[in-house]
PDB file of N, CA and C in Angstrom:
ATOM      1  N   MET A   1     -66.520  -5.785  -8.833  1.00  0.00           N
ATOM      2  CA  MET A   1     -65.162  -5.951  -9.145  1.00  0.00           C
ATOM      3  C   MET A   1     -64.453  -6.633  -7.968  1.00  0.00           C
ATOM      4  N   GLY A   2     -63.658  -7.591  -8.276  1.00  0.00           N
ATOM      5  CA  GLY A   2     -62.896  -8.330  -7.228  1.00  0.00           C
ATOM      6  C   GLY A   2     -61.436  -8.287  -7.481  1.00  0.00           C
ATOM      7  N   GLY A   3     -60.646  -8.463  -6.487  1.00  0.00           N
ATOM      8  CA  GLY A   3     -59.183  -8.481  -6.667  1.00  0.00           C
ATOM      9  C   GLY A   3     -58.574  -9.233  -5.531  1.00  0.00           C
ATOM     10  N   ASN A   4     -57.277  -9.307  -5.503  1.00  0.00           N
ATOM     11  CA  ASN A   4     -56.503  -9.980  -4.449  1.00  0.00           C
ATOM     12  C   ASN A   4     -55.264  -9.209  -4.101  1.00  0.00           C
ATOM     13  N   GLY A   5     -54.830  -9.363  -2.922  1.00  0.00           N
ATOM     14  CA  GLY A   5     -53.536  -8.900  -2.420  1.00  0.00           C
ATOM     15  C   GLY A   5     -53.161  -7.450  -2.799  1.00  0.00           C
ATOM     16  N   SER A   6     -53.347  -6.475  -1.912  1.00  0.00           N
ATOM     17  CA  SER A   6     -52.938  -5.159  -2.232  1.00  0.00           C
ATOM     18  C   SER A   6     -51.412  -5.064  -2.379  1.00  0.00           C
ATOM     19  N   GLY A   7     -50.952  -4.310  -3.330  1.00  0.00           N
ATOM     20  CA  GLY A   7     -49.533  -4.168  -3.560  1.00  0.00           C
ATOM     21  C   GLY A   7     -48.845  -5.361  -4.270  1.00  0.00           C
ATOM     22  N   ASP A   8     -49.568  -6.332  -4.608  1.00  0.00           N
ATOM     23  CA  ASP A   8     -49.075  -7.504  -5.298  1.00  0.00           C
ATOM     24  C   ASP A   8     -48.920  -7.151  -6.777  1.00  0.00           C
ATOM     25  N   SER A   9     -47.709  -7.271  -7.358  1.00  0.00           N
ATOM     26  CA  SER A   9     -47.499  -6.903  -8.743  1.00  0.00           C
ATOM     27  C   SER A   9     -48.225  -7.852  -9.730  1.00  0.00           C
ATOM     28  N   TYR A  10     -48.662  -9.016  -9.254  1.00  0.00           N
ATOM     29  CA  TYR A  10     -49.382  -9.991 -10.095  1.00  0.00           C
ATOM     30  C   TYR A  10     -50.809  -9.986  -9.769  1.00  0.00           C
ATOM     31  N   GLN A  11     -51.332  -8.943  -9.291  1.00  0.00           N
ATOM     32  CA  GLN A  11     -52.770  -8.894  -8.814  1.00  0.00           C
ATOM     33  C   GLN A  11     -53.666  -9.321  -9.983  1.00  0.00           C
ATOM     34  N   THR A  12     -54.609 -10.161  -9.625  1.00  0.00           N
ATOM     35  CA  THR A  12     -55.662 -10.637 -10.557  1.00  0.00           C
ATOM     36  C   THR A  12     -56.974  -9.840 -10.245  1.00  0.00           C
ATOM     37  N   CYS A  13     -57.534  -9.263 -11.270  1.00  0.00           N
ATOM     38  CA  CYS A  13     -58.787  -8.532 -11.097  1.00  0.00           C
ATOM     39  C   CYS A  13     -59.901  -9.220 -11.890  1.00  0.00           C
ATOM     40  N   THR A  14     -61.097  -9.162 -11.379  1.00  0.00           N
ATOM     41  CA  THR A  14     -62.295  -9.631 -12.066  1.00  0.00           C
ATOM     42  C   THR A  14     -63.282  -8.498 -12.126  1.00  0.00           C
ATOM     43  N   THR A  15     -63.729  -8.216 -13.319  1.00  0.00           N
ATOM     44  CA  THR A  15     -64.723  -7.127 -13.510  1.00  0.00           C
ATOM     45  C   THR A  15     -65.929  -7.787 -14.137  1.00  0.00           C
ATOM     46  N   VAL A  16     -67.081  -7.558 -13.520  1.00  0.00           N
ATOM     47  CA  VAL A  16     -68.396  -8.094 -14.036  1.00  0.00           C
ATOM     48  C   VAL A  16     -69.352  -6.942 -14.070  1.00  0.00           C
ATOM     49  N   GLU A  17     -70.038  -6.795 -15.225  1.00  0.00           N
ATOM     50  CA  GLU A  17     -71.066  -5.762 -15.354  1.00  0.00           C
ATOM     51  C   GLU A  17     -72.372  -6.444 -15.718  1.00  0.00           C
ATOM     52  N   GLY A  18     -73.426  -5.834 -15.250  1.00  0.00           N
ATOM     53  CA  GLY A  18     -74.781  -6.394 -15.550  1.00  0.00           C
ATOM     54  C   GLY A  18     -75.779  -5.802 -14.622  1.00  0.00           C
ATOM     55  N   THR A  19     -76.994  -6.352 -14.640  1.00  0.00           N
ATOM     56  CA  THR A  19     -78.089  -5.887 -13.808  1.00  0.00           C
ATOM     57  C   THR A  19     -78.701  -7.150 -13.202  1.00  0.00           C
ATOM     58  N   GLY A  20     -78.825  -7.091 -11.866  1.00  0.00           N
ATOM     59  CA  GLY A  20     -79.424  -8.207 -11.142  1.00  0.00           C
ATOM     60  C   GLY A  20     -78.608  -9.465 -11.395  1.00  0.00           C
ATOM     61  N   LEU A  21     -79.230 -10.496 -11.926  1.00  0.00           N
ATOM     62  CA  LEU A  21     -78.587 -11.779 -12.109  1.00  0.00           C
ATOM     63  C   LEU A  21     -78.032 -11.944 -13.559  1.00  0.00           C
ATOM     64  N   ARG A  22     -78.288 -10.915 -14.325  1.00  0.00           N
ATOM     65  CA  ARG A  22     -77.835 -10.981 -15.761  1.00  0.00           C
ATOM     66  C   ARG A  22     -76.461 -10.250 -15.956  1.00  0.00           C
ATOM     67  N   VAL A  23     -75.510 -11.056 -16.450  1.00  0.00           N
ATOM     68  CA  VAL A  23     -74.152 -10.583 -16.644  1.00  0.00           C
ATOM     69  C   VAL A  23     -73.962 -10.319 -18.116  1.00  0.00           C
ATOM     70  N   LYS A  24     -73.548  -9.054 -18.417  1.00  0.00           N
ATOM     71  CA  LYS A  24     -73.311  -8.700 -19.834  1.00  0.00           C
ATOM     72  C   LYS A  24     -71.823  -8.592 -20.184  1.00  0.00           C
ATOM     73  N   LEU A  25     -70.980  -8.455 -19.131  1.00  0.00           N
ATOM     74  CA  LEU A  25     -69.535  -8.398 -19.324  1.00  0.00           C
ATOM     75  C   LEU A  25     -68.828  -9.071 -18.196  1.00  0.00           C
ATOM     76  N   TRP A  26     -67.895  -9.955 -18.517  1.00  0.00           N
ATOM     77  CA  TRP A  26     -67.076 -10.536 -17.520  1.00  0.00           C
ATOM     78  C   TRP A  26     -65.628 -10.504 -18.057  1.00  0.00           C
ATOM     79  N   GLN A  27     -64.774  -9.777 -17.393  1.00  0.00           N
ATOM     80  CA  GLN A  27     -63.431  -9.549 -17.837  1.00  0.00           C
ATOM     81  C   GLN A  27     -62.468  -9.805 -16.673  1.00  0.00           C
ATOM     82  N   THR A  28     -61.268 -10.271 -17.015  1.00  0.00           N
ATOM     83  CA  THR A  28     -60.206 -10.441 -15.999  1.00  0.00           C
ATOM     84  C   THR A  28     -58.977  -9.825 -16.485  1.00  0.00           C
ATOM     85  N   SER A  29     -58.157  -9.326 -15.599  1.00  0.00           N
ATOM     86  CA  SER A  29     -56.832  -8.769 -15.945  1.00  0.00           C
ATOM     87  C   SER A  29     -55.829  -9.120 -14.899  1.00  0.00           C
ATOM     88  N   ALA A  30     -54.559  -9.006 -15.267  1.00  0.00           N
ATOM     89  CA  ALA A  30     -53.473  -9.304 -14.394  1.00  0.00           C
ATOM     90  C   ALA A  30     -52.215  -8.671 -15.051  1.00  0.00           C
ATOM     91  N   TYR A  31     -51.202  -8.407 -14.207  1.00  0.00           N
ATOM     92  CA  TYR A  31     -49.954  -7.954 -14.718  1.00  0.00           C
ATOM     93  C   TYR A  31     -48.974  -9.085 -14.787  1.00  0.00           C
ATOM     94  N   SER A  32     -48.304  -9.210 -15.937  1.00  0.00           N
ATOM     95  CA  SER A  32     -47.315 -10.236 -16.111  1.00  0.00           C
ATOM     96  C   SER A  32     -45.963  -9.578 -16.246  1.00  0.00           C
ATOM     97  N   SER A  33     -45.007  -9.985 -15.404  1.00  0.00           N
ATOM     98  CA  SER A  33     -43.650  -9.504 -15.512  1.00  0.00           C
ATOM     99  C   SER A  33     -42.818 -10.322 -16.490  1.00  0.00           C
ATOM    100  N   LEU A  34     -43.467 -11.373 -17.068  1.00  0.00           N
ATOM    101  CA  LEU A  34     -42.778 -12.268 -17.972  1.00  0.00           C
ATOM    102  C   LEU A  34     -42.862 -11.703 -19.424  1.00  0.00           C
ATOM    103  N   GLY A  35     -41.863 -11.962 -20.209  1.00  0.00           N
ATOM    104  CA  GLY A  35     -41.883 -11.558 -21.584  1.00  0.00           C
ATOM    105  C   GLY A  35     -41.655 -12.795 -22.433  1.00  0.00           C
ATOM    106  N   GLY A  36     -42.269 -12.772 -23.613  1.00  0.00           N
ATOM    107  CA  GLY A  36     -42.084 -13.873 -24.560  1.00  0.00           C
ATOM    108  C   GLY A  36     -42.612 -15.194 -24.124  1.00  0.00           C
ATOM    109  N   GLN A  37     -43.699 -15.192 -23.417  1.00  0.00           N
ATOM    110  CA  GLN A  37     -44.317 -16.448 -22.973  1.00  0.00           C
ATOM    111  C   GLN A  37     -45.768 -16.448 -23.145  1.00  0.00           C
ATOM    112  N   HIS A  38     -46.334 -17.638 -23.176  1.00  0.00           N
ATOM    113  CA  HIS A  38     -47.837 -17.789 -23.248  1.00  0.00           C
ATOM    114  C   HIS A  38     -48.302 -17.801 -21.744  1.00  0.00           C
ATOM    115  N   VAL A  39     -49.353 -17.084 -21.514  1.00  0.00           N
ATOM    116  CA  VAL A  39     -50.027 -17.100 -20.215  1.00  0.00           C
ATOM    117  C   VAL A  39     -51.481 -17.420 -20.461  1.00  0.00           C
ATOM    118  N   TYR A  40     -52.136 -17.904 -19.395  1.00  0.00           N
ATOM    119  CA  TYR A  40     -53.500 -18.371 -19.534  1.00  0.00           C
ATOM    120  C   TYR A  40     -54.436 -17.666 -18.485  1.00  0.00           C
ATOM    121  N   ALA A  41     -55.573 -17.309 -18.891  1.00  0.00           N
ATOM    122  CA  ALA A  41     -56.634 -16.787 -18.005  1.00  0.00           C
ATOM    123  C   ALA A  41     -57.654 -17.886 -17.911  1.00  0.00           C
ATOM    124  N   ARG A  42     -58.019 -18.294 -16.677  1.00  0.00           N
ATOM    125  CA  ARG A  42     -59.015 -19.291 -16.498  1.00  0.00           C
ATOM    126  C   ARG A  42     -60.248 -18.709 -15.866  1.00  0.00           C
ATOM    127  N   PHE A  43     -61.422 -19.142 -16.363  1.00  0.00           N
ATOM    128  CA  PHE A  43     -62.712 -18.679 -15.832  1.00  0.00           C
ATOM    129  C   PHE A  43     -63.413 -19.809 -15.135  1.00  0.00           C
ATOM    130  N   TYR A  44     -63.899 -19.524 -13.945  1.00  0.00           N
ATOM    131  CA  TYR A  44     -64.563 -20.549 -13.108  1.00  0.00           C
ATOM    132  C   TYR A  44     -65.955 -20.061 -12.748  1.00  0.00           C
ATOM    133  N   VAL A  45     -66.890 -21.049 -12.742  1.00  0.00           N
ATOM    134  CA  VAL A  45     -68.272 -20.748 -12.291  1.00  0.00           C
ATOM    135  C   VAL A  45     -68.482 -21.762 -11.159  1.00  0.00           C
ATOM    136  N   ASN A  46     -68.672 -21.257  -9.931  1.00  0.00           N
ATOM    137  CA  ASN A  46     -68.888 -22.095  -8.725  1.00  0.00           C
ATOM    138  C   ASN A  46     -67.806 -23.177  -8.602  1.00  0.00           C
ATOM    139  N   GLY A  47     -66.529 -22.773  -8.855  1.00  0.00           N
ATOM    140  CA  GLY A  47     -65.413 -23.656  -8.686  1.00  0.00           C
ATOM    141  C   GLY A  47     -65.137 -24.569  -9.840  1.00  0.00           C
ATOM    142  N   LYS A  48     -65.966 -24.615 -10.873  1.00  0.00           N
ATOM    143  CA  LYS A  48     -65.699 -25.436 -12.054  1.00  0.00           C
ATOM    144  C   LYS A  48     -65.160 -24.587 -13.215  1.00  0.00           C
ATOM    145  N   ARG A  49     -63.993 -24.989 -13.769  1.00  0.00           N
ATOM    146  CA  ARG A  49     -63.411 -24.217 -14.845  1.00  0.00           C
ATOM    147  C   ARG A  49     -64.278 -24.421 -16.090  1.00  0.00           C
ATOM    148  N   VAL A  50     -64.689 -23.288 -16.671  1.00  0.00           N
ATOM    149  CA  VAL A  50     -65.555 -23.350 -17.845  1.00  0.00           C
ATOM    150  C   VAL A  50     -64.833 -22.851 -19.116  1.00  0.00           C
ATOM    151  N   HIS A  51     -63.782 -22.052 -18.989  1.00  0.00           N
ATOM    152  CA  HIS A  51     -63.041 -21.534 -20.165  1.00  0.00           C
ATOM    153  C   HIS A  51     -61.619 -21.263 -19.792  1.00  0.00           C
ATOM    154  N   THR A  52     -60.745 -21.363 -20.791  1.00  0.00           N
ATOM    155  CA  THR A  52     -59.388 -20.922 -20.686  1.00  0.00           C
ATOM    156  C   THR A  52     -59.019 -20.113 -21.898  1.00  0.00           C
ATOM    157  N   VAL A  53     -58.423 -18.936 -21.661  1.00  0.00           N
ATOM    158  CA  VAL A  53     -58.034 -18.035 -22.782  1.00  0.00           C
ATOM    159  C   VAL A  53     -56.467 -17.947 -22.724  1.00  0.00           C
ATOM    160  N   LYS A  54     -55.855 -18.210 -23.880  1.00  0.00           N
ATOM    161  CA  LYS A  54     -54.376 -18.111 -23.977  1.00  0.00           C
ATOM    162  C   LYS A  54     -54.019 -16.755 -24.520  1.00  0.00           C
ATOM    163  N   LYS A  55     -53.025 -16.141 -23.854  1.00  0.00           N
ATOM    164  CA  LYS A  55     -52.500 -14.850 -24.315  1.00  0.00           C
ATOM    165  C   LYS A  55     -50.994 -14.992 -24.489  1.00  0.00           C
ATOM    166  N   TYR A  56     -50.460 -14.236 -25.437  1.00  0.00           N
ATOM    167  CA  TYR A  56     -49.021 -14.178 -25.598  1.00  0.00           C
ATOM    168  C   TYR A  56     -48.478 -12.871 -25.082  1.00  0.00           C
ATOM    169  N   THR A  57     -47.551 -12.825 -24.228  1.00  0.00           N
ATOM    170  CA  THR A  57     -47.009 -11.623 -23.689  1.00  0.00           C
ATOM    171  C   THR A  57     -45.551 -11.415 -24.254  1.00  0.00           C
ATOM    172  N   GLY A  58     -45.435 -10.500 -25.170  1.00  0.00           N
ATOM    173  CA  GLY A  58     -44.133 -10.239 -25.768  1.00  0.00           C
ATOM    174  C   GLY A  58     -43.188  -9.443 -24.841  1.00  0.00           C
ATOM    175  N   ALA A  59     -43.824  -8.774 -23.903  1.00  0.00           N
ATOM    176  CA  ALA A  59     -43.056  -7.933 -22.931  1.00  0.00           C
ATOM    177  C   ALA A  59     -43.875  -7.875 -21.659  1.00  0.00           C
ATOM    178  N   PRO A  60     -43.260  -7.509 -20.533  1.00  0.00           N
ATOM    179  CA  PRO A  60     -44.027  -7.272 -19.300  1.00  0.00           C
ATOM    180  C   PRO A  60     -45.112  -6.272 -19.508  1.00  0.00           C
ATOM    181  N   LYS A  61     -46.365  -6.636 -19.143  1.00  0.00           N
ATOM    182  CA  LYS A  61     -47.513  -5.683 -19.319  1.00  0.00           C
ATOM    183  C   LYS A  61     -48.706  -6.222 -18.615  1.00  0.00           C
ATOM    184  N   ARG A  62     -49.743  -5.338 -18.617  1.00  0.00           N
ATOM    185  CA  ARG A  62     -51.040  -5.732 -18.071  1.00  0.00           C
ATOM    186  C   ARG A  62     -51.797  -6.470 -19.153  1.00  0.00           C
ATOM    187  N   LEU A  63     -52.297  -7.632 -18.733  1.00  0.00           N
ATOM    188  CA  LEU A  63     -53.019  -8.500 -19.680  1.00  0.00           C
ATOM    189  C   LEU A  63     -54.566  -8.471 -19.316  1.00  0.00           C
ATOM    190  N   ALA A  64     -55.365  -8.616 -20.319  1.00  0.00           N
ATOM    191  CA  ALA A  64     -56.794  -8.661 -20.092  1.00  0.00           C
ATOM    192  C   ALA A  64     -57.441  -9.683 -21.018  1.00  0.00           C
ATOM    193  N   ALA A  65     -58.491 -10.318 -20.533  1.00  0.00           N
ATOM    194  CA  ALA A  65     -59.247 -11.313 -21.330  1.00  0.00           C
ATOM    195  C   ALA A  65     -60.706 -11.223 -20.993  1.00  0.00           C
ATOM    196  N   ASN A  66     -61.519 -11.234 -22.000  1.00  0.00           N
ATOM    197  CA  ASN A  66     -63.005 -11.304 -21.809  1.00  0.00           C
ATOM    198  C   ASN A  66     -63.450 -12.785 -21.821  1.00  0.00           C
ATOM    199  N   PHE A  67     -64.528 -13.011 -21.100  1.00  0.00           N
ATOM    200  CA  PHE A  67     -65.176 -14.311 -21.004  1.00  0.00           C
ATOM    201  C   PHE A  67     -65.516 -14.718 -22.466  1.00  0.00           C
ATOM    202  N   PRO A  68     -65.020 -15.862 -22.961  1.00  0.00           N
ATOM    203  CA  PRO A  68     -65.271 -16.235 -24.316  1.00  0.00           C
ATOM    204  C   PRO A  68     -66.654 -16.920 -24.545  1.00  0.00           C
ATOM    205  N   GLY A  69     -67.394 -17.124 -23.498  1.00  0.00           N
ATOM    206  CA  GLY A  69     -68.707 -17.764 -23.632  1.00  0.00           C
ATOM    207  C   GLY A  69     -69.812 -16.813 -24.021  1.00  0.00           C
ATOM    208  N   LYS A  70     -70.991 -17.327 -24.136  1.00  0.00           N
ATOM    209  CA  LYS A  70     -72.133 -16.467 -24.545  1.00  0.00           C
ATOM    210  C   LYS A  70     -72.560 -15.534 -23.403  1.00  0.00           C
ATOM    211  N   LEU A  71     -72.617 -14.288 -23.722  1.00  0.00           N
ATOM    212  CA  LEU A  71     -73.097 -13.224 -22.853  1.00  0.00           C
ATOM    213  C   LEU A  71     -74.006 -12.308 -23.688  1.00  0.00           C
ATOM    214  N   PRO A  72     -75.014 -11.699 -23.093  1.00  0.00           N
ATOM    215  CA  PRO A  72     -75.442 -11.720 -21.680  1.00  0.00           C
ATOM    216  C   PRO A  72     -75.993 -13.075 -21.304  1.00  0.00           C
ATOM    217  N   ARG A  73     -75.864 -13.379 -20.003  1.00  0.00           N
ATOM    218  CA  ARG A  73     -76.275 -14.661 -19.449  1.00  0.00           C
ATOM    219  C   ARG A  73     -76.794 -14.396 -18.017  1.00  0.00           C
ATOM    220  N   LYS A  74     -77.842 -15.153 -17.718  1.00  0.00           N
ATOM    221  CA  LYS A  74     -78.413 -15.045 -16.383  1.00  0.00           C
ATOM    222  C   LYS A  74     -77.855 -16.167 -15.547  1.00  0.00           C
ATOM    223  N   PHE A  75     -77.354 -15.794 -14.346  1.00  0.00           N
ATOM    224  CA  PHE A  75     -76.838 -16.777 -13.383  1.00  0.00           C
ATOM    225  C   PHE A  75     -77.738 -16.872 -12.232  1.00  0.00           C
ATOM    226  N   ARG A  76     -77.643 -17.909 -11.474  1.00  0.00           N
ATOM    227  CA  ARG A  76     -78.438 -18.094 -10.261  1.00  0.00           C
ATOM    228  C   ARG A  76     -77.977 -17.153  -9.158  1.00  0.00           C
ATOM    229  N   ASN A  77     -78.799 -16.719  -8.267  1.00  0.00           N
ATOM    230  CA  ASN A  77     -78.432 -15.886  -7.156  1.00  0.00           C
ATOM    231  C   ASN A  77     -77.394 -16.594  -6.303  1.00  0.00           C
ATOM    232  N   GLY A  78     -76.257 -15.983  -6.004  1.00  0.00           N
ATOM    233  CA  GLY A  78     -75.199 -16.557  -5.196  1.00  0.00           C
ATOM    234  C   GLY A  78     -74.112 -17.260  -6.045  1.00  0.00           C
ATOM    235  N   THR A  79     -74.177 -17.264  -7.328  1.00  0.00           N
ATOM    236  CA  THR A  79     -73.186 -17.880  -8.173  1.00  0.00           C
ATOM    237  C   THR A  79     -71.852 -17.187  -8.010  1.00  0.00           C
ATOM    238  N   ARG A  80     -70.741 -17.915  -7.870  1.00  0.00           N
ATOM    239  CA  ARG A  80     -69.420 -17.325  -7.690  1.00  0.00           C
ATOM    240  C   ARG A  80     -68.735 -17.427  -9.059  1.00  0.00           C
ATOM    241  N   LEU A  81     -68.286 -16.261  -9.577  1.00  0.00           N
ATOM    242  CA  LEU A  81     -67.493 -16.193 -10.805  1.00  0.00           C
ATOM    243  C   LEU A  81     -66.094 -15.802 -10.443  1.00  0.00           C
ATOM    244  N   CYS A  82     -65.122 -16.679 -10.828  1.00  0.00           N
ATOM    245  CA  CYS A  82     -63.725 -16.473 -10.414  1.00  0.00           C
ATOM    246  C   CYS A  82     -62.778 -16.554 -11.597  1.00  0.00           C
ATOM    247  N   ASN A  83     -61.621 -15.946 -11.402  1.00  0.00           N
ATOM    248  CA  ASN A  83     -60.538 -15.941 -12.406  1.00  0.00           C
ATOM    249  C   ASN A  83     -59.215 -16.240 -11.748  1.00  0.00           C
ATOM    250  N   VAL A  84     -58.371 -16.980 -12.523  1.00  0.00           N
ATOM    251  CA  VAL A  84     -57.021 -17.224 -12.146  1.00  0.00           C
ATOM    252  C   VAL A  84     -56.167 -17.123 -13.347  1.00  0.00           C
ATOM    253  N   TRP A  85     -54.953 -16.479 -13.209  1.00  0.00           N
ATOM    254  CA  TRP A  85     -54.032 -16.402 -14.332  1.00  0.00           C
ATOM    255  C   TRP A  85     -52.863 -17.335 -14.037  1.00  0.00           C
ATOM    256  N   SER A  86     -52.300 -17.901 -15.100  1.00  0.00           N
ATOM    257  CA  SER A  86     -51.158 -18.811 -14.898  1.00  0.00           C
ATOM    258  C   SER A  86     -49.944 -18.144 -14.368  1.00  0.00           C
ATOM    259  N   VAL A  87     -49.803 -16.809 -14.546  1.00  0.00           N
ATOM    260  CA  VAL A  87     -48.624 -16.110 -14.006  1.00  0.00           C
ATOM    261  C   VAL A  87     -48.715 -15.936 -12.470  1.00  0.00           C
ATOM    262  N   ASN A  88     -49.835 -16.148 -11.938  1.00  0.00           N
ATOM    263  CA  ASN A  88     -50.041 -15.993 -10.502  1.00  0.00           C
ATOM    264  C   ASN A  88     -51.136 -16.962  -9.988  1.00  0.00           C
ATOM    265  N   SER A  89     -50.930 -18.255 -10.241  1.00  0.00           N
ATOM    266  CA  SER A  89     -51.990 -19.201  -9.985  1.00  0.00           C
ATOM    267  C   SER A  89     -52.299 -19.326  -8.516  1.00  0.00           C
ATOM    268  N   HIS A  90     -51.537 -18.780  -7.582  1.00  0.00           N
ATOM    269  CA  HIS A  90     -51.887 -18.843  -6.174  1.00  0.00           C
ATOM    270  C   HIS A  90     -52.997 -17.822  -5.830  1.00  0.00           C
ATOM    271  N   TYR A  91     -53.272 -16.890  -6.726  1.00  0.00           N
ATOM    272  CA  TYR A  91     -54.263 -15.841  -6.388  1.00  0.00           C
ATOM    273  C   TYR A  91     -55.507 -15.997  -7.285  1.00  0.00           C
ATOM    274  N   LYS A  92     -56.627 -16.041  -6.615  1.00  0.00           N
ATOM    275  CA  LYS A  92     -57.903 -16.192  -7.345  1.00  0.00           C
ATOM    276  C   LYS A  92     -58.720 -14.911  -6.982  1.00  0.00           C
ATOM    277  N   SER A  93     -59.338 -14.343  -8.006  1.00  0.00           N
ATOM    278  CA  SER A  93     -60.235 -13.194  -7.837  1.00  0.00           C
ATOM    279  C   SER A  93     -61.654 -13.673  -8.109  1.00  0.00           C
ATOM    280  N   CYS A  94     -62.581 -13.317  -7.182  1.00  0.00           N
ATOM    281  CA  CYS A  94     -63.951 -13.810  -7.347  1.00  0.00           C
ATOM    282  C   CYS A  94     -64.964 -12.661  -7.057  1.00  0.00           C
ATOM    283  N   ILE A  95     -66.152 -12.825  -7.650  1.00  0.00           N
ATOM    284  CA  ILE A  95     -67.299 -11.980  -7.316  1.00  0.00           C
ATOM    285  C   ILE A  95     -68.478 -12.970  -7.157  1.00  0.00           C
ATOM    286  N   THR A  96     -69.519 -12.489  -6.468  1.00  0.00           N
ATOM    287  CA  THR A  96     -70.741 -13.271  -6.297  1.00  0.00           C
ATOM    288  C   THR A  96     -71.843 -12.499  -6.941  1.00  0.00           C
ATOM    289  N   VAL A  97     -72.546 -13.224  -7.843  1.00  0.00           N
ATOM    290  CA  VAL A  97     -73.689 -12.663  -8.511  1.00  0.00           C
ATOM    291  C   VAL A  97     -74.881 -12.709  -7.536  1.00  0.00           C
ATOM    292  N   HIS A  98     -75.532 -11.535  -7.376  1.00  0.00           N
ATOM    293  CA  HIS A  98     -76.676 -11.477  -6.502  1.00  0.00           C
ATOM    294  C   HIS A  98     -77.679 -10.416  -6.933  1.00  0.00           C
ATOM    295  N   ARG A  99     -78.860 -10.512  -6.412  1.00  0.00           N
ATOM    296  CA  ARG A  99     -79.916  -9.529  -6.759  1.00  0.00           C
ATOM    297  C   ARG A  99     -79.638  -8.196  -6.214  1.00  0.00           C
TER     298      ARG A  99
END
């Protein structure tokens, strides 16, 4: 699990579950203080954006999005999986897949 900035109300979290190099769940979450807007969760593999998930926030709340690609999936040792949300694009949350 990765995160950024303690005490930041827009904290981005990345949760990855699996065994060894095989990932079976990749989820990201963030808190949005915005209401009535579209926000985006972006998924990166080694710095390259691979998916974007659009969410609508009717009121301020915690948002979550699962990786929309095929899982389970085996990644190379040392692969960096990162997430960024449009509500706090200055903050990136990452984990490194390893044995």
